[in-house]
Structure formats: structure tokens, C-alpha cells
Protein backbone atom coordinates (compact mmCIF):
# COMPACT_ATOMS: atom_id res chain seq x y z
CA MET A 1 209.46 141.34 112.08
CA ARG A 2 210.73 138.03 110.33
CA SER A 3 214.19 139.18 113.15
CA PHE A 4 211.39 139.40 116.28
CA ALA A 5 210.42 135.46 114.91
CA VAL A 6 213.35 134.59 114.48
CA ARG A 7 214.50 135.52 117.89
CA ASN A 8 211.99 133.96 119.56
CA LEU A 9 212.40 130.33 117.81
CA ARG A 10 216.00 130.53 118.70
CA ARG A 11 215.37 131.17 122.17
CA ALA A 12 212.49 128.41 122.13
CA GLY A 13 215.41 126.07 120.91
CA VAL A 14 217.84 127.15 123.61
CA VAL A 15 214.57 126.16 126.29
CA THR A 16 213.56 123.22 124.95
CA ALA A 17 217.32 121.90 124.75
CA ALA A 18 217.87 123.41 128.41
CA ALA A 19 215.19 121.39 129.50
CA SER A 20 215.80 118.42 127.51
CA MET A 21 219.23 118.42 129.59
CA ALA A 22 217.51 118.53 133.00
CA LEU A 23 215.42 115.66 132.37
CA MET A 24 218.30 113.24 130.99
CA GLY A 25 219.82 114.60 134.17
CA PHE A 26 217.38 113.77 136.58
CA ALA A 27 216.93 110.40 134.99
CA GLY A 28 220.44 109.83 135.23
CA VAL A 29 219.87 110.52 139.39
CA ALA A 30 216.68 108.22 139.40
CA SER A 31 218.38 105.07 137.97
CA ALA A 32 220.89 105.66 139.90
CA ALA A 33 221.92 102.42 141.90
CA SER A 34 220.85 102.28 145.28
CA GLY A 35 221.04 100.54 148.52
CA GLU A 36 219.25 100.37 152.22
CA ALA A 37 219.54 98.18 155.28
CA TYR A 38 218.73 98.44 159.12
CA ALA A 39 219.92 96.22 161.89
CA SER A 40 218.50 96.34 165.35
CA GLY A 41 218.44 94.34 168.85
CA THR A 42 218.14 94.99 172.06
CA GLY A 43 218.31 99.01 172.77
CA VAL A 44 219.02 99.68 169.42
CA PHE A 45 217.80 100.66 166.29
CA GLY A 46 219.70 102.17 163.31
CA SER A 47 219.38 102.47 159.59
CA ALA A 48 220.80 103.61 156.51
CA ASN A 49 220.84 104.48 152.71
CA TRP A 50 223.09 105.01 150.18
CA VAL A 51 223.91 105.87 146.11
CA TRP A 52 226.38 102.70 145.22
CA THR A 53 230.10 103.88 143.68
CA LYS A 54 232.54 100.91 142.55
CA SER A 55 234.67 102.25 145.09
CA GLY A 56 231.93 102.65 147.86
CA PHE A 57 228.68 105.10 148.40
CA LYS A 58 227.99 108.62 148.19
CA THR A 59 224.74 110.30 149.11
CA ALA A 60 224.20 107.84 152.80
CA ASN A 61 222.11 108.37 155.19
CA VAL A 62 222.59 107.10 158.45
CA ALA A 63 220.55 107.22 161.89
CA VAL A 64 220.62 105.64 165.19
CA ARG A 65 218.22 105.32 167.98
CA ASP A 66 218.32 104.42 171.48
CA THR A 67 215.46 102.67 172.10
CA LYS A 68 216.31 101.79 175.97
CA CYS A 69 216.84 103.69 178.84
CA ASP A 70 219.99 102.43 180.35
CA ALA A 71 221.76 105.14 180.04
CA HIS A 72 224.76 103.30 177.56
CA LYS A 73 225.36 105.41 174.29
CA VAL A 74 224.32 103.78 171.12
CA PHE A 75 226.35 103.68 167.47
CA ILE A 76 226.36 102.89 163.86
CA PHE A 77 228.74 102.34 161.22
CA PHE A 78 228.94 100.32 157.75
CA GLU A 79 231.04 96.78 157.34
CA VAL A 80 232.81 97.19 153.69
CA LYS A 81 233.94 94.07 151.84
CA ARG A 82 236.30 94.14 149.49
CA THR A 83 235.82 92.05 146.09
CA THR A 84 238.89 90.02 147.53
CA GLY A 85 237.13 89.19 150.72
CA GLN A 86 238.48 91.71 153.52
CA VAL A 87 236.50 93.41 155.54
CA TYR A 88 236.93 97.00 156.89
CA GLN A 89 234.87 99.14 159.51
CA THR A 90 233.99 102.78 158.48
CA LYS A 91 233.85 105.78 161.13
CA HIS A 92 231.54 104.96 164.40
CA ARG A 93 228.79 107.34 164.48
CA GLU A 94 227.45 107.97 167.97
CA ASN A 95 224.09 108.74 169.60
CA GLY A 96 224.87 109.87 173.33
CA GLY A 97 221.27 111.53 173.60
CA GLY A 98 220.20 108.79 175.98
CA CYS A 99 216.53 107.49 176.09
CA GLY A 100 214.62 107.76 172.88
CA SER A 101 217.03 109.81 171.13
CA THR A 102 217.76 109.98 167.56
CA ALA A 103 221.10 111.15 165.53
CA SER A 104 221.48 111.16 162.15
CA TRP A 105 224.00 111.84 159.80
CA SER A 106 223.21 113.29 155.50
CA ASP A 107 224.97 112.95 152.76
CA LEU A 108 228.16 110.89 154.00
CA THR A 109 230.69 109.67 151.34
CA TYR A 110 232.87 106.47 151.32
CA ASP A 111 235.33 105.85 149.20
CA ALA A 112 237.75 102.93 149.76
CA GLY A 113 240.25 103.26 146.74
CA TYR A 114 239.43 99.68 145.27
CA HIS A 115 236.02 97.99 144.44
CA VAL A 116 233.64 97.31 146.85
CA GLY A 117 231.75 94.17 146.51
CA ALA A 118 229.22 94.50 149.59
CA VAL A 119 228.45 96.87 152.82
CA ARG A 120 226.57 96.23 155.85
CA VAL A 121 225.29 98.20 158.40
CA VAL A 122 225.89 97.37 162.25
CA THR A 123 224.76 98.97 164.91
CA CYS A 124 225.87 98.73 168.86
CA VAL A 125 225.06 99.49 172.25
CA ASP A 126 228.34 100.73 174.14
CA GLY A 127 229.56 98.25 176.99
CA GLY A 128 226.90 96.11 174.64
CA SER A 129 225.85 93.75 171.71
CA CYS A 130 226.26 94.48 168.09
CA HIS A 131 223.73 93.80 165.50
CA ARG A 132 224.54 93.50 162.13
CA SER A 133 222.43 93.33 158.44
CA THR A 134 222.56 91.14 155.73
CA TYR A 135 225.62 92.15 153.38
CA GLN A 136 224.11 94.11 150.66
CA ASP A 137 226.07 93.35 147.15
CA ASN A 138 227.24 96.25 145.23
CA PRO A 139 225.37 95.75 141.89
CA LEU A 140 228.69 97.80 140.05
CA THR A 141 231.08 95.23 141.25
């Protein structure tokens, strides 16, 4: 009988330890520094959210909507500002679906290989104007 009780206590300890580690892991994700921004203008609306890293971001979600029936594609990208001031553009993501369509991408990652000070979202109408969010400062740099 004693052996049965000891085994159950050991199992309970293992389960408790695993549950504690899982909760700490979730707390770590929940406390991660995150950012979000949107940019819009005539014919286009775009939004993004992400989790910061020192050299960029991860788990980014972006979407761009064509808000005007004018046969022009719309696109979205980030402008990334180094801590030294230089600005670079990420890959442009295009929505060619036409009037009222939305295109989205998820779980995107960007690693600049150096410290990133801020990013902003840019949306554009093909052959037209671009619209920029304000820069979102990276709290990790």
C-alpha cells in the first residue's frame, strides 16, 4: 500500500511541476513586448501587429484592404529604422483582389541583424500615393 501512495505523490509532483512550467511559459509570452500600427488613405487601409525582438520582430500579422473600386492594386510593408537612423523597407505584400478585397499574411518574421529602433506601417495604392503610420519605438533597444 505504501508503494502505491508514494507513486501517486510522485505523479502529482510531476504534474504540478509541469503545470507550473506551462504557466510560466504562458506568462512569458503574455508579457512579451508587442507593437501595432495602421496606415490608411484614399483607396487603402492596412494594419499590422507584431512581437518585438532587439533586431526586428516576430509573429507579425499584416493585412491590406482595397477600399476603392479603381482597378489599382494596393500593398503594405514596414519601414524599419535602425538605432543609427538609417531606414530600410521590408518585402512589399500586394493585394490585387480588387474592390473591397482584403489580403492578409501571418506569422511573419523580420531580423535586421542589428538593433532596430522603430518600425512603421506603410500602405500604398499602385501608381498612387502611400500612407504611413507613426513610428512605433522598439522598447527592447
